[in-house]
N, C-alpha and C. Protein backbone atom coordinates (compact mmCIF):
# COMPACT_ATOMS: atom_id res chain seq x y z
N MET A 1 0.86 -94.93 -45.91
CA MET A 1 2.05 -94.81 -45.09
C MET A 1 2.27 -93.35 -44.70
N LEU A 2 2.53 -93.12 -43.45
CA LEU A 2 2.76 -91.77 -42.94
C LEU A 2 4.19 -91.36 -43.25
N THR A 3 4.34 -90.23 -43.92
CA THR A 3 5.69 -89.74 -44.21
C THR A 3 6.04 -88.62 -43.24
N LYS A 4 7.28 -88.59 -42.87
CA LYS A 4 7.76 -87.58 -41.94
C LYS A 4 8.58 -86.56 -42.71
N THR A 5 8.45 -85.32 -42.34
CA THR A 5 9.23 -84.26 -42.96
C THR A 5 10.39 -83.89 -42.04
N TYR A 6 11.52 -83.69 -42.65
CA TYR A 6 12.72 -83.24 -41.93
C TYR A 6 13.10 -81.87 -42.46
N TYR A 7 13.76 -81.10 -41.64
CA TYR A 7 14.09 -79.73 -42.01
C TYR A 7 15.57 -79.44 -41.84
N LEU A 8 16.13 -78.78 -42.81
CA LEU A 8 17.41 -78.12 -42.68
C LEU A 8 17.04 -76.69 -42.27
N TYR A 9 17.70 -76.15 -41.26
CA TYR A 9 17.36 -74.80 -40.83
C TYR A 9 18.62 -74.02 -40.48
N MET A 10 18.49 -72.70 -40.57
CA MET A 10 19.57 -71.82 -40.13
C MET A 10 18.99 -70.77 -39.20
N MET A 11 19.72 -70.54 -38.13
CA MET A 11 19.32 -69.53 -37.16
C MET A 11 20.48 -68.56 -36.97
N SER A 12 20.13 -67.37 -36.51
CA SER A 12 21.14 -66.35 -36.29
C SER A 12 20.85 -65.65 -34.96
N ASN A 13 21.72 -64.72 -34.62
CA ASN A 13 21.52 -63.92 -33.41
C ASN A 13 21.00 -62.53 -33.80
N PHE A 14 20.82 -61.67 -32.83
CA PHE A 14 20.23 -60.35 -33.06
C PHE A 14 20.99 -59.53 -34.09
N THR A 15 22.32 -59.61 -34.07
CA THR A 15 23.13 -58.80 -34.98
C THR A 15 23.48 -59.52 -36.28
N ASN A 16 22.98 -60.74 -36.46
CA ASN A 16 23.25 -61.57 -37.64
C ASN A 16 24.73 -61.86 -37.83
N SER A 17 25.48 -61.86 -36.75
CA SER A 17 26.91 -62.12 -36.85
C SER A 17 27.24 -63.61 -36.75
N VAL A 18 26.27 -64.42 -36.39
CA VAL A 18 26.47 -65.85 -36.23
C VAL A 18 25.39 -66.58 -37.04
N ILE A 19 25.79 -67.66 -37.70
CA ILE A 19 24.82 -68.51 -38.40
C ILE A 19 25.00 -69.94 -37.89
N TYR A 20 23.91 -70.51 -37.40
CA TYR A 20 23.90 -71.90 -36.95
C TYR A 20 23.07 -72.71 -37.93
N THR A 21 23.58 -73.86 -38.35
CA THR A 21 22.88 -74.73 -39.28
C THR A 21 22.60 -76.05 -38.60
N GLY A 22 21.34 -76.53 -38.71
CA GLY A 22 20.98 -77.79 -38.09
C GLY A 22 19.92 -78.54 -38.87
N VAL A 23 19.57 -79.72 -38.37
CA VAL A 23 18.54 -80.58 -38.95
C VAL A 23 17.61 -81.02 -37.83
N THR A 24 16.33 -81.10 -38.14
CA THR A 24 15.35 -81.57 -37.16
C THR A 24 14.16 -82.19 -37.86
N ASN A 25 13.40 -82.96 -37.10
CA ASN A 25 12.14 -83.49 -37.62
C ASN A 25 10.95 -82.72 -37.07
N ASN A 26 11.21 -81.74 -36.20
CA ASN A 26 10.15 -80.92 -35.62
C ASN A 26 10.70 -79.50 -35.47
N LEU A 27 10.49 -78.71 -36.49
CA LEU A 27 11.09 -77.37 -36.55
C LEU A 27 10.56 -76.47 -35.44
N GLU A 28 9.27 -76.51 -35.20
CA GLU A 28 8.68 -75.66 -34.16
C GLU A 28 9.29 -75.95 -32.79
N ARG A 29 9.40 -77.23 -32.44
CA ARG A 29 10.00 -77.61 -31.16
C ARG A 29 11.47 -77.20 -31.08
N ARG A 30 12.20 -77.43 -32.15
CA ARG A 30 13.63 -77.14 -32.15
C ARG A 30 13.91 -75.64 -32.00
N VAL A 31 13.14 -74.82 -32.70
CA VAL A 31 13.30 -73.37 -32.57
C VAL A 31 12.98 -72.94 -31.14
N TYR A 32 11.93 -73.50 -30.56
CA TYR A 32 11.56 -73.21 -29.18
C TYR A 32 12.72 -73.55 -28.24
N GLU A 33 13.34 -74.70 -28.46
CA GLU A 33 14.47 -75.11 -27.62
C GLU A 33 15.63 -74.13 -27.73
N HIS A 34 15.93 -73.68 -28.95
CA HIS A 34 17.00 -72.70 -29.12
C HIS A 34 16.65 -71.38 -28.44
N LYS A 35 15.45 -70.89 -28.65
CA LYS A 35 15.04 -69.61 -28.09
C LYS A 35 15.07 -69.61 -26.56
N ASN A 36 14.77 -70.74 -25.98
CA ASN A 36 14.71 -70.85 -24.52
C ASN A 36 15.99 -71.42 -23.93
N LYS A 37 17.05 -71.45 -24.74
CA LYS A 37 18.37 -71.88 -24.30
C LYS A 37 18.35 -73.25 -23.62
N MET A 38 17.54 -74.14 -24.17
CA MET A 38 17.45 -75.50 -23.66
C MET A 38 18.55 -76.39 -24.22
N ILE A 39 19.24 -75.91 -25.24
CA ILE A 39 20.31 -76.65 -25.88
C ILE A 39 21.63 -76.01 -25.48
N LYS A 40 22.41 -76.74 -24.74
CA LYS A 40 23.69 -76.21 -24.26
C LYS A 40 24.70 -76.19 -25.39
N GLY A 41 25.62 -75.25 -25.33
CA GLY A 41 26.68 -75.20 -26.32
C GLY A 41 26.65 -73.95 -27.17
N PHE A 42 26.92 -74.13 -28.46
CA PHE A 42 27.11 -73.03 -29.39
C PHE A 42 25.93 -72.06 -29.42
N THR A 43 24.72 -72.57 -29.59
CA THR A 43 23.58 -71.66 -29.75
C THR A 43 23.27 -70.90 -28.47
N GLU A 44 23.50 -71.54 -27.33
CA GLU A 44 23.31 -70.85 -26.06
C GLU A 44 24.38 -69.78 -25.86
N ARG A 45 25.62 -70.15 -26.14
CA ARG A 45 26.76 -69.25 -25.93
C ARG A 45 26.65 -67.99 -26.80
N TYR A 46 26.22 -68.16 -28.05
CA TYR A 46 26.18 -67.04 -28.99
C TYR A 46 24.78 -66.45 -29.17
N ASN A 47 23.86 -66.82 -28.27
CA ASN A 47 22.51 -66.26 -28.26
C ASN A 47 21.81 -66.39 -29.62
N VAL A 48 21.92 -67.56 -30.20
CA VAL A 48 21.30 -67.85 -31.49
C VAL A 48 19.83 -68.16 -31.24
N ASN A 49 18.94 -67.26 -31.69
CA ASN A 49 17.53 -67.44 -31.36
C ASN A 49 16.56 -66.94 -32.44
N LYS A 50 17.05 -66.72 -33.65
CA LYS A 50 16.19 -66.19 -34.72
C LYS A 50 16.26 -67.11 -35.93
N LEU A 51 15.13 -67.71 -36.28
CA LEU A 51 15.06 -68.57 -37.46
C LEU A 51 15.07 -67.69 -38.71
N VAL A 52 16.09 -67.87 -39.56
CA VAL A 52 16.21 -67.02 -40.75
C VAL A 52 16.08 -67.81 -42.06
N TYR A 53 16.13 -69.16 -41.97
CA TYR A 53 16.03 -69.97 -43.19
C TYR A 53 15.64 -71.38 -42.81
N TYR A 54 14.80 -72.00 -43.64
CA TYR A 54 14.57 -73.43 -43.52
C TYR A 54 14.08 -73.99 -44.83
N GLU A 55 14.32 -75.27 -45.00
CA GLU A 55 13.80 -75.98 -46.16
C GLU A 55 13.43 -77.39 -45.73
N ALA A 56 12.39 -77.92 -46.34
CA ALA A 56 11.90 -79.26 -46.02
C ALA A 56 12.60 -80.31 -46.87
N CYS A 57 12.82 -81.45 -46.26
CA CYS A 57 13.40 -82.61 -46.94
C CYS A 57 12.49 -83.81 -46.68
N GLN A 58 12.47 -84.75 -47.60
CA GLN A 58 11.53 -85.87 -47.48
C GLN A 58 12.02 -87.01 -46.60
N ASP A 59 13.30 -87.07 -46.34
CA ASP A 59 13.81 -88.13 -45.47
C ASP A 59 15.06 -87.64 -44.75
N ILE A 60 15.41 -88.35 -43.69
CA ILE A 60 16.52 -87.92 -42.85
C ILE A 60 17.84 -87.95 -43.61
N ALA A 61 18.02 -88.92 -44.49
CA ALA A 61 19.28 -89.01 -45.24
C ALA A 61 19.49 -87.78 -46.11
N SER A 62 18.44 -87.33 -46.80
CA SER A 62 18.60 -86.15 -47.65
C SER A 62 18.75 -84.89 -46.81
N ALA A 63 18.12 -84.84 -45.64
CA ALA A 63 18.28 -83.68 -44.75
C ALA A 63 19.72 -83.59 -44.24
N ILE A 64 20.27 -84.71 -43.84
CA ILE A 64 21.65 -84.71 -43.35
C ILE A 64 22.64 -84.39 -44.47
N ALA A 65 22.39 -84.94 -45.65
CA ALA A 65 23.26 -84.64 -46.79
C ALA A 65 23.22 -83.15 -47.12
N ARG A 66 22.03 -82.57 -47.06
CA ARG A 66 21.89 -81.14 -47.34
C ARG A 66 22.59 -80.31 -46.26
N GLU A 67 22.46 -80.72 -45.02
CA GLU A 67 23.13 -80.02 -43.92
C GLU A 67 24.64 -80.03 -44.13
N LYS A 68 25.20 -81.18 -44.49
CA LYS A 68 26.64 -81.27 -44.74
C LYS A 68 27.06 -80.36 -45.89
N GLN A 69 26.22 -80.33 -46.93
CA GLN A 69 26.52 -79.48 -48.09
C GLN A 69 26.54 -78.01 -47.68
N VAL A 70 25.55 -77.58 -46.92
CA VAL A 70 25.48 -76.18 -46.49
C VAL A 70 26.62 -75.85 -45.53
N LYS A 71 26.87 -76.72 -44.58
CA LYS A 71 27.94 -76.47 -43.61
C LYS A 71 29.32 -76.41 -44.26
N ALA A 72 29.49 -77.15 -45.34
CA ALA A 72 30.79 -77.15 -46.04
C ALA A 72 31.01 -75.87 -46.83
N GLY A 73 29.95 -75.12 -47.07
CA GLY A 73 30.07 -73.89 -47.83
C GLY A 73 30.60 -72.74 -46.99
N SER A 74 30.98 -71.69 -47.64
CA SER A 74 31.49 -70.50 -46.95
C SER A 74 30.34 -69.74 -46.28
N ARG A 75 30.71 -68.82 -45.43
CA ARG A 75 29.69 -67.96 -44.83
C ARG A 75 28.93 -67.23 -45.93
N ARG A 76 29.63 -66.78 -46.95
CA ARG A 76 29.01 -66.06 -48.06
C ARG A 76 27.92 -66.92 -48.73
N LYS A 77 28.19 -68.20 -48.91
CA LYS A 77 27.19 -69.09 -49.52
C LYS A 77 25.98 -69.25 -48.62
N LYS A 78 26.21 -69.31 -47.31
CA LYS A 78 25.08 -69.38 -46.37
C LYS A 78 24.27 -68.09 -46.43
N GLU A 79 24.96 -66.96 -46.46
CA GLU A 79 24.27 -65.67 -46.56
C GLU A 79 23.45 -65.60 -47.84
N ASP A 80 24.01 -66.05 -48.95
CA ASP A 80 23.30 -66.04 -50.23
C ASP A 80 22.04 -66.90 -50.16
N LEU A 81 22.14 -68.04 -49.50
CA LEU A 81 20.98 -68.92 -49.36
C LEU A 81 19.89 -68.24 -48.52
N ILE A 82 20.28 -67.65 -47.42
CA ILE A 82 19.32 -66.92 -46.58
C ILE A 82 18.71 -65.76 -47.36
N ASN A 83 19.56 -64.98 -48.03
CA ASN A 83 19.09 -63.82 -48.79
C ASN A 83 18.13 -64.20 -49.92
N SER A 84 18.23 -65.43 -50.42
CA SER A 84 17.36 -65.86 -51.52
C SER A 84 15.89 -65.91 -51.12
N ILE A 85 15.62 -66.14 -49.83
CA ILE A 85 14.23 -66.16 -49.38
C ILE A 85 13.92 -65.14 -48.29
N ASN A 86 14.96 -64.58 -47.68
CA ASN A 86 14.77 -63.70 -46.53
C ASN A 86 15.83 -62.60 -46.54
N PRO A 87 15.79 -61.71 -47.54
CA PRO A 87 16.86 -60.72 -47.70
C PRO A 87 17.03 -59.75 -46.53
N GLU A 88 16.00 -59.59 -45.71
CA GLU A 88 16.13 -58.68 -44.56
C GLU A 88 16.44 -59.43 -43.26
N TRP A 89 16.62 -60.73 -43.37
CA TRP A 89 16.96 -61.57 -42.23
C TRP A 89 15.96 -61.41 -41.09
N ARG A 90 14.71 -61.30 -41.45
CA ARG A 90 13.67 -61.23 -40.44
C ARG A 90 13.41 -62.62 -39.88
N GLU A 91 12.89 -62.67 -38.67
CA GLU A 91 12.57 -63.96 -38.08
C GLU A 91 11.41 -64.58 -38.85
N LEU A 92 11.61 -65.81 -39.30
CA LEU A 92 10.59 -66.49 -40.09
C LEU A 92 9.56 -67.13 -39.17
N GLN A 93 8.32 -67.13 -39.62
CA GLN A 93 7.25 -67.82 -38.92
C GLN A 93 7.16 -69.23 -39.49
N ILE A 94 6.95 -70.18 -38.64
CA ILE A 94 6.86 -71.58 -39.07
C ILE A 94 5.42 -71.86 -39.46
N SER A 95 5.26 -72.36 -40.69
CA SER A 95 3.90 -72.63 -41.15
C SER A 95 3.65 -74.10 -41.33
């Protein structure tokens, strides 16, 4: 059986003043869409185009639950999560 991977991800803007949290089943495509302003709304308005954090989940239910958990946290908790793997907030490469 083919299993699909889902991702919780966080993106920021050039000055790291904005954090966007989302879920996708294709991280490379989704980051491309954000970078090229193909998604209208928050990420386009605030120029969110730098992937700073992601984690893989085994199913969509756990990815959505994780997204809700992260979104419910404070900005400080999101920063701590990003800093745990990317303390300089550099743009992450998708592997």
